[in-house]
């Protein structure tokens, strides 16, 4: 019973965080990216505003969509955790906690999902059962 409840909890966490990130952050960034509008975005690594925006949009849209489905969940959660880490602790570094709070909450949630994986109720578990992946490193990364 406990395993089923844990898997249900992971499903709810994964779905809620993924859908919220996708709809509130990823989709609007994707629309802006394809609108042709000038990109003004934080460039924490000196790779350019546009590339920084594309990476954030990719994590927040594609990563969130994959996480919601439960496929490549750990890689998606890692990209989202990294994006939220930058938002919380670099971009908002000098802001008050109430401004950092949302990014920190997303960071912690995505970090937990990276550590735990998607749980039993995921598309990846269905695929793994069909393909019988043996390599433990691949199973960890792609689950």
N, C-alpha and C. Protein backbone atom coordinates (compact mmCIF):
# COMPACT_ATOMS: atom_id res chain seq x y z
N UNK A 1 0.82 -1.19 0.00
CA UNK A 1 0.00 0.00 0.00
C UNK A 1 0.86 1.26 0.00
N UNK A 2 1.94 1.26 0.79
CA UNK A 2 2.81 2.43 0.88
C UNK A 2 3.45 2.74 -0.47
N UNK A 3 3.91 1.70 -1.20
CA UNK A 3 4.52 1.92 -2.52
C UNK A 3 3.53 2.56 -3.49
N UNK A 4 2.30 2.11 -3.46
CA UNK A 4 1.27 2.68 -4.35
C UNK A 4 1.02 4.14 -4.00
N UNK A 5 0.99 4.46 -2.71
CA UNK A 5 0.78 5.85 -2.30
C UNK A 5 1.98 6.71 -2.68
N UNK A 6 3.20 6.18 -2.54
CA UNK A 6 4.39 6.92 -2.97
C UNK A 6 4.34 7.19 -4.47
N UNK A 7 3.99 6.18 -5.25
CA UNK A 7 3.90 6.35 -6.70
C UNK A 7 2.80 7.34 -7.06
N UNK A 8 1.70 7.30 -6.35
CA UNK A 8 0.62 8.27 -6.58
C UNK A 8 1.09 9.68 -6.24
N UNK A 9 1.81 9.81 -5.14
CA UNK A 9 2.36 11.12 -4.76
C UNK A 9 3.33 11.65 -5.79
N UNK A 10 4.20 10.79 -6.32
CA UNK A 10 5.14 11.21 -7.37
C UNK A 10 4.39 11.61 -8.64
N UNK A 11 3.34 10.87 -8.97
CA UNK A 11 2.53 11.20 -10.14
C UNK A 11 1.90 12.59 -9.98
N UNK A 12 1.35 12.86 -8.82
CA UNK A 12 0.70 14.15 -8.57
C UNK A 12 1.74 15.28 -8.60
N UNK A 13 2.87 15.08 -7.92
CA UNK A 13 3.93 16.09 -7.90
C UNK A 13 4.46 16.35 -9.31
N UNK A 14 4.77 15.28 -10.02
CA UNK A 14 5.31 15.40 -11.38
C UNK A 14 4.33 16.09 -12.31
N UNK A 15 3.08 15.68 -12.24
CA UNK A 15 2.05 16.25 -13.12
C UNK A 15 1.79 17.72 -12.80
N UNK A 16 1.63 18.03 -11.52
CA UNK A 16 1.32 19.41 -11.13
C UNK A 16 2.48 20.35 -11.47
N UNK A 17 3.69 19.99 -11.08
CA UNK A 17 4.84 20.86 -11.36
C UNK A 17 5.07 20.98 -12.87
N UNK A 18 4.91 19.88 -13.59
CA UNK A 18 5.11 19.92 -15.03
C UNK A 18 4.08 20.78 -15.74
N UNK A 19 2.81 20.59 -15.40
CA UNK A 19 1.74 21.35 -16.05
C UNK A 19 1.82 22.84 -15.70
N UNK A 20 2.09 23.15 -14.45
CA UNK A 20 2.21 24.56 -14.06
C UNK A 20 3.38 25.21 -14.79
N UNK A 21 4.53 24.55 -14.81
CA UNK A 21 5.70 25.12 -15.49
C UNK A 21 5.43 25.28 -16.98
N UNK A 22 4.84 24.27 -17.57
CA UNK A 22 4.55 24.30 -19.01
C UNK A 22 3.60 25.45 -19.37
N UNK A 23 2.51 25.56 -18.66
CA UNK A 23 1.49 26.55 -19.02
C UNK A 23 1.82 27.97 -18.57
N UNK A 24 2.41 28.12 -17.41
CA UNK A 24 2.66 29.46 -16.88
C UNK A 24 3.98 30.06 -17.36
N UNK A 25 4.95 29.21 -17.72
CA UNK A 25 6.28 29.73 -18.08
C UNK A 25 6.76 29.26 -19.45
N UNK A 26 6.65 27.97 -19.73
CA UNK A 26 7.18 27.44 -20.99
C UNK A 26 6.42 27.88 -22.22
N UNK A 27 5.10 27.76 -22.19
CA UNK A 27 4.29 28.12 -23.35
C UNK A 27 4.42 29.61 -23.70
N UNK A 28 4.33 30.51 -22.71
CA UNK A 28 4.54 31.93 -23.05
C UNK A 28 5.93 32.21 -23.65
N UNK A 29 6.96 31.54 -23.14
CA UNK A 29 8.31 31.73 -23.71
C UNK A 29 8.37 31.18 -25.13
N UNK A 30 7.74 30.05 -25.37
CA UNK A 30 7.71 29.48 -26.71
C UNK A 30 7.01 30.43 -27.69
N UNK A 31 5.90 31.00 -27.27
CA UNK A 31 5.19 31.97 -28.11
C UNK A 31 6.07 33.18 -28.42
N UNK A 32 6.77 33.68 -27.42
CA UNK A 32 7.65 34.82 -27.62
C UNK A 32 8.79 34.46 -28.57
N UNK A 33 9.32 33.26 -28.42
CA UNK A 33 10.43 32.81 -29.27
C UNK A 33 10.03 32.81 -30.74
N UNK A 34 8.82 32.35 -31.03
CA UNK A 34 8.38 32.25 -32.42
C UNK A 34 7.65 33.49 -32.92
N UNK A 35 7.50 34.50 -32.06
CA UNK A 35 6.80 35.72 -32.47
C UNK A 35 7.67 36.64 -33.31
N UNK A 36 8.97 36.46 -33.22
CA UNK A 36 9.87 37.35 -33.93
C UNK A 36 10.22 38.59 -33.14
N UNK A 37 9.66 38.72 -31.94
CA UNK A 37 9.94 39.87 -31.09
C UNK A 37 11.39 39.83 -30.62
N UNK A 38 11.92 40.99 -30.30
CA UNK A 38 13.29 41.07 -29.80
C UNK A 38 13.37 40.33 -28.45
N UNK A 39 14.42 39.55 -28.29
CA UNK A 39 14.63 38.78 -27.06
C UNK A 39 15.51 39.59 -26.12
N UNK A 40 14.95 39.94 -24.99
CA UNK A 40 15.69 40.56 -23.89
C UNK A 40 15.59 39.58 -22.73
N UNK A 41 16.72 38.99 -22.35
CA UNK A 41 16.68 37.94 -21.34
C UNK A 41 17.99 37.94 -20.58
N UNK A 42 17.93 37.49 -19.36
CA UNK A 42 19.11 37.36 -18.49
C UNK A 42 20.10 36.38 -19.11
N UNK A 43 21.38 36.76 -19.14
CA UNK A 43 22.43 35.94 -19.74
C UNK A 43 23.49 35.61 -18.68
N UNK A 44 23.20 34.61 -17.81
CA UNK A 44 24.10 34.36 -16.68
C UNK A 44 25.44 33.72 -17.05
N UNK A 45 25.54 33.11 -18.21
CA UNK A 45 26.76 32.39 -18.57
C UNK A 45 27.52 33.03 -19.73
N UNK A 46 27.08 34.19 -20.19
CA UNK A 46 27.76 34.89 -21.26
C UNK A 46 27.63 34.21 -22.62
N UNK A 47 26.53 33.50 -22.85
CA UNK A 47 26.34 32.80 -24.11
C UNK A 47 25.37 33.55 -25.03
N UNK A 48 24.91 34.69 -24.57
CA UNK A 48 23.99 35.52 -25.35
C UNK A 48 22.57 35.42 -24.81
N UNK A 49 21.86 36.54 -24.94
CA UNK A 49 20.48 36.59 -24.44
C UNK A 49 19.58 35.60 -25.17
N UNK A 50 19.75 35.51 -26.48
CA UNK A 50 18.87 34.64 -27.27
C UNK A 50 19.08 33.17 -26.92
N UNK A 51 20.34 32.73 -26.86
CA UNK A 51 20.60 31.33 -26.52
C UNK A 51 20.17 31.01 -25.09
N UNK A 52 20.40 31.94 -24.17
CA UNK A 52 19.94 31.74 -22.79
C UNK A 52 18.42 31.59 -22.76
N UNK A 53 17.73 32.41 -23.54
CA UNK A 53 16.27 32.35 -23.60
C UNK A 53 15.81 31.02 -24.21
N UNK A 54 16.47 30.58 -25.28
CA UNK A 54 16.12 29.31 -25.92
C UNK A 54 16.30 28.15 -24.95
N UNK A 55 17.40 28.14 -24.19
CA UNK A 55 17.63 27.07 -23.22
C UNK A 55 16.56 27.08 -22.12
N UNK A 56 16.23 28.26 -21.61
CA UNK A 56 15.19 28.34 -20.57
C UNK A 56 13.84 27.93 -21.14
N UNK A 57 13.51 28.39 -22.34
CA UNK A 57 12.24 28.03 -22.97
C UNK A 57 12.17 26.54 -23.24
N UNK A 58 13.29 25.97 -23.68
CA UNK A 58 13.32 24.52 -23.93
C UNK A 58 13.09 23.71 -22.67
N UNK A 59 13.75 24.11 -21.60
CA UNK A 59 13.56 23.40 -20.33
C UNK A 59 12.13 23.58 -19.84
N UNK A 60 11.63 24.81 -19.89
CA UNK A 60 10.33 25.10 -19.32
C UNK A 60 9.17 24.61 -20.18
N UNK A 61 9.40 24.39 -21.47
CA UNK A 61 8.33 23.85 -22.31
C UNK A 61 8.53 22.36 -22.57
N UNK A 62 9.60 22.01 -23.28
CA UNK A 62 9.82 20.59 -23.63
C UNK A 62 10.10 19.76 -22.38
N UNK A 63 10.97 20.27 -21.50
CA UNK A 63 11.28 19.55 -20.28
C UNK A 63 10.06 19.33 -19.41
N UNK A 64 9.24 20.37 -19.29
CA UNK A 64 8.02 20.25 -18.48
C UNK A 64 7.02 19.29 -19.13
N UNK A 65 6.92 19.30 -20.46
CA UNK A 65 6.01 18.38 -21.15
C UNK A 65 6.45 16.94 -20.95
N UNK A 66 7.75 16.68 -21.11
CA UNK A 66 8.28 15.33 -20.92
C UNK A 66 8.11 14.88 -19.47
N UNK A 67 8.37 15.78 -18.54
CA UNK A 67 8.20 15.45 -17.13
C UNK A 67 6.75 15.10 -16.82
N UNK A 68 5.83 15.86 -17.36
CA UNK A 68 4.41 15.61 -17.13
C UNK A 68 4.01 14.22 -17.64
N UNK A 69 4.54 13.85 -18.79
CA UNK A 69 4.24 12.53 -19.36
C UNK A 69 4.97 11.41 -18.62
N UNK A 70 6.04 11.77 -17.94
CA UNK A 70 6.82 10.75 -17.24
C UNK A 70 7.77 10.02 -18.16
N UNK A 71 8.34 10.75 -19.11
CA UNK A 71 9.33 10.16 -20.01
C UNK A 71 10.58 11.04 -19.97
N UNK A 72 11.74 10.42 -19.86
CA UNK A 72 13.00 11.14 -19.66
C UNK A 72 12.86 12.10 -18.47
N UNK A 73 12.19 11.64 -17.45
CA UNK A 73 11.83 12.49 -16.31
C UNK A 73 13.04 13.03 -15.57
N UNK A 74 14.04 12.21 -15.34
CA UNK A 74 15.20 12.69 -14.57
C UNK A 74 15.96 13.75 -15.34
N UNK A 75 16.20 13.54 -16.62
CA UNK A 75 16.90 14.56 -17.41
C UNK A 75 16.08 15.83 -17.50
N UNK A 76 14.78 15.69 -17.66
CA UNK A 76 13.90 16.86 -17.71
C UNK A 76 13.90 17.59 -16.38
N UNK A 77 13.77 16.84 -15.29
CA UNK A 77 13.77 17.45 -13.96
C UNK A 77 15.09 18.15 -13.68
N UNK A 78 16.20 17.56 -14.14
CA UNK A 78 17.51 18.18 -13.93
C UNK A 78 17.61 19.49 -14.70
N UNK A 79 17.15 19.52 -15.94
CA UNK A 79 17.21 20.77 -16.71
C UNK A 79 16.32 21.84 -16.07
N UNK A 80 15.17 21.43 -15.58
CA UNK A 80 14.27 22.37 -14.91
C UNK A 80 14.83 22.84 -13.57
N UNK A 81 15.44 21.94 -12.82
CA UNK A 81 16.05 22.32 -11.54
C UNK A 81 17.19 23.32 -11.79
N UNK A 82 17.99 23.08 -12.81
CA UNK A 82 19.08 24.00 -13.13
C UNK A 82 18.54 25.37 -13.52
N UNK A 83 17.49 25.39 -14.31
CA UNK A 83 16.87 26.66 -14.71
C UNK A 83 16.33 27.42 -13.50
N UNK A 84 15.68 26.70 -12.60
CA UNK A 84 15.12 27.34 -11.41
C UNK A 84 16.21 27.76 -10.42
N UNK A 85 17.31 27.01 -10.39
CA UNK A 85 18.45 27.40 -9.56
C UNK A 85 19.00 28.75 -10.02
N UNK A 86 19.18 28.89 -11.32
CA UNK A 86 19.66 30.15 -11.89
C UNK A 86 18.67 31.27 -11.58
N UNK A 87 17.39 31.00 -11.77
CA UNK A 87 16.37 32.02 -11.50
C UNK A 87 16.40 32.46 -10.04
N UNK A 88 16.45 31.49 -9.13
CA UNK A 88 16.35 31.80 -7.70
C UNK A 88 17.62 32.41 -7.14
N UNK A 89 18.77 31.81 -7.46
CA UNK A 89 20.00 32.15 -6.75
C UNK A 89 20.98 33.02 -7.54
N UNK A 90 20.70 33.24 -8.82
CA UNK A 90 21.55 34.13 -9.61
C UNK A 90 20.74 35.35 -10.05
N UNK A 91 19.66 35.13 -10.79
CA UNK A 91 18.86 36.25 -11.28
C UNK A 91 18.21 37.02 -10.13
N UNK A 92 17.63 36.31 -9.18
CA UNK A 92 16.94 36.95 -8.05
C UNK A 92 17.82 37.00 -6.80
N UNK A 93 19.13 36.88 -6.95
CA UNK A 93 20.04 36.80 -5.80
C UNK A 93 19.89 37.97 -4.84
N UNK A 94 19.66 39.15 -5.36
CA UNK A 94 19.58 40.34 -4.50
C UNK A 94 18.14 40.74 -4.16
N UNK A 95 17.19 39.92 -4.58
CA UNK A 95 15.78 40.22 -4.32
C UNK A 95 15.38 39.65 -2.95
N UNK A 96 14.31 40.18 -2.38
CA UNK A 96 13.83 39.62 -1.10
C UNK A 96 13.32 38.19 -1.29
N UNK A 97 13.26 37.47 -0.18
CA UNK A 97 12.87 36.06 -0.23
C UNK A 97 11.53 35.84 -0.90
N UNK A 98 10.56 36.73 -0.67
CA UNK A 98 9.23 36.52 -1.26
C UNK A 98 9.27 36.56 -2.79
N UNK A 99 10.29 37.17 -3.36
CA UNK A 99 10.47 37.16 -4.82
C UNK A 99 11.15 35.85 -5.26
N UNK A 100 12.10 35.38 -4.47
CA UNK A 100 12.83 34.15 -4.77
C UNK A 100 12.01 32.89 -4.52
N UNK A 101 11.01 33.01 -3.68
CA UNK A 101 10.29 31.86 -3.15
C UNK A 101 9.76 30.91 -4.22
N UNK A 102 9.10 31.41 -5.25
CA UNK A 102 8.51 30.54 -6.27
C UNK A 102 9.59 29.74 -7.00
N UNK A 103 10.68 30.40 -7.36
CA UNK A 103 11.78 29.70 -8.03
C UNK A 103 12.40 28.64 -7.12
N UNK A 104 12.53 28.95 -5.85
CA UNK A 104 13.10 27.98 -4.90
C UNK A 104 12.17 26.77 -4.75
N UNK A 105 10.87 27.01 -4.65
CA UNK A 105 9.92 25.90 -4.54
C UNK A 105 9.98 25.00 -5.78
N UNK A 106 10.00 25.61 -6.96
CA UNK A 106 10.14 24.81 -8.18
C UNK A 106 11.47 24.06 -8.19
N UNK A 107 12.55 24.72 -7.79
CA UNK A 107 13.86 24.07 -7.75
C UNK A 107 13.82 22.83 -6.86
N UNK A 108 13.28 22.96 -5.66
CA UNK A 108 13.23 21.83 -4.73
C UNK A 108 12.35 20.71 -5.29
N UNK A 109 11.20 21.05 -5.84
CA UNK A 109 10.32 20.03 -6.42
C UNK A 109 10.99 19.28 -7.56
N UNK A 110 11.65 20.00 -8.46
CA UNK A 110 12.33 19.35 -9.58
C UNK A 110 13.54 18.55 -9.11
N UNK A 111 14.23 19.02 -8.08
CA UNK A 111 15.35 18.26 -7.52
C UNK A 111 14.86 16.94 -6.92
N UNK A 112 13.76 16.99 -6.20
CA UNK A 112 13.16 15.77 -5.64
C UNK A 112 12.80 14.79 -6.76
N UNK A 113 12.20 15.29 -7.83
CA UNK A 113 11.83 14.42 -8.95
C UNK A 113 13.05 13.85 -9.67
N UNK A 114 14.15 14.62 -9.71
CA UNK A 114 15.39 14.08 -10.28
C UNK A 114 15.88 12.91 -9.42
N UNK A 115 15.84 13.06 -8.12
CA UNK A 115 16.33 12.03 -7.21
C UNK A 115 15.43 10.79 -7.23
N UNK A 116 14.13 10.99 -7.19
CA UNK A 116 13.21 9.86 -7.06
C UNK A 116 12.86 9.20 -8.38
N UNK A 117 12.90 9.96 -9.46
CA UNK A 117 12.41 9.45 -10.74
C UNK A 117 10.91 9.64 -10.81
N UNK A 118 10.30 9.19 -11.89
CA UNK A 118 8.90 9.50 -12.14
C UNK A 118 7.88 8.68 -11.36
N UNK A 119 8.31 7.58 -10.79
CA UNK A 119 7.36 6.70 -10.12
C UNK A 119 6.76 5.71 -11.11
N UNK A 120 5.93 4.84 -10.58
CA UNK A 120 5.35 3.75 -11.37
C UNK A 120 4.37 4.24 -12.44
N UNK A 121 3.66 5.32 -12.14
CA UNK A 121 2.62 5.80 -13.05
C UNK A 121 3.21 6.80 -14.04
N UNK A 122 4.04 6.28 -14.96
CA UNK A 122 4.70 7.11 -15.95
C UNK A 122 4.81 6.36 -17.27
N UNK A 123 4.92 7.11 -18.32
CA UNK A 123 5.09 6.52 -19.64
C UNK A 123 6.41 5.76 -19.73
N UNK A 124 7.43 6.26 -19.03
CA UNK A 124 8.74 5.61 -19.08
C UNK A 124 8.69 4.21 -18.46
N UNK A 125 7.96 4.04 -17.39
CA UNK A 125 7.85 2.70 -16.78
C UNK A 125 7.19 1.73 -17.74
N UNK A 126 6.19 2.21 -18.47
CA UNK A 126 5.53 1.39 -19.48
C UNK A 126 6.53 1.00 -20.57
N UNK A 127 7.33 1.95 -21.04
CA UNK A 127 8.34 1.68 -22.07
C UNK A 127 9.40 0.72 -21.55
N UNK A 128 9.88 0.97 -20.33
CA UNK A 128 10.90 0.09 -19.73
C UNK A 128 10.41 -1.35 -19.64
N UNK A 129 9.16 -1.53 -19.27
CA UNK A 129 8.60 -2.88 -19.17
C UNK A 129 8.56 -3.56 -20.53
N UNK A 130 8.34 -2.80 -21.59
CA UNK A 130 8.28 -3.36 -22.94
C UNK A 130 9.67 -3.64 -23.50
N UNK A 131 10.64 -2.75 -23.22
CA UNK A 131 11.98 -2.87 -23.82
C UNK A 131 12.95 -3.67 -22.95
N UNK A 132 12.66 -3.81 -21.69
CA UNK A 132 13.53 -4.55 -20.76
C UNK A 132 14.97 -4.01 -20.77
N UNK A 133 15.13 -2.70 -20.51
CA UNK A 133 16.44 -2.06 -20.48
C UNK A 133 17.25 -2.64 -19.32
N UNK A 134 18.48 -3.09 -19.59
CA UNK A 134 19.31 -3.73 -18.56
C UNK A 134 20.33 -2.79 -17.93
N UNK A 135 20.88 -1.85 -18.70
CA UNK A 135 21.93 -0.97 -18.22
C UNK A 135 21.39 -0.05 -17.12
N UNK A 136 21.96 -0.16 -15.91
CA UNK A 136 21.42 0.58 -14.77
C UNK A 136 21.63 2.09 -14.90
N UNK A 137 22.73 2.51 -15.51
CA UNK A 137 22.96 3.95 -15.71
C UNK A 137 21.94 4.52 -16.67
N UNK A 138 21.70 3.82 -17.77
CA UNK A 138 20.69 4.28 -18.73
C UNK A 138 19.30 4.29 -18.10
N UNK A 139 19.01 3.25 -17.33
CA UNK A 139 17.70 3.20 -16.66
C UNK A 139 17.52 4.38 -15.74
N UNK A 140 18.58 4.75 -15.00
CA UNK A 140 18.49 5.89 -14.09
C UNK A 140 18.29 7.18 -14.86
N UNK A 141 19.11 7.43 -15.87
CA UNK A 141 19.05 8.68 -16.61
C UNK A 141 17.78 8.86 -17.40
N UNK A 142 17.31 7.78 -18.02
CA UNK A 142 16.17 7.89 -18.90
C UNK A 142 14.83 7.60 -18.23
N UNK A 143 14.87 7.34 -16.92
CA UNK A 143 13.60 7.12 -16.21
C UNK A 143 13.06 8.44 -15.72
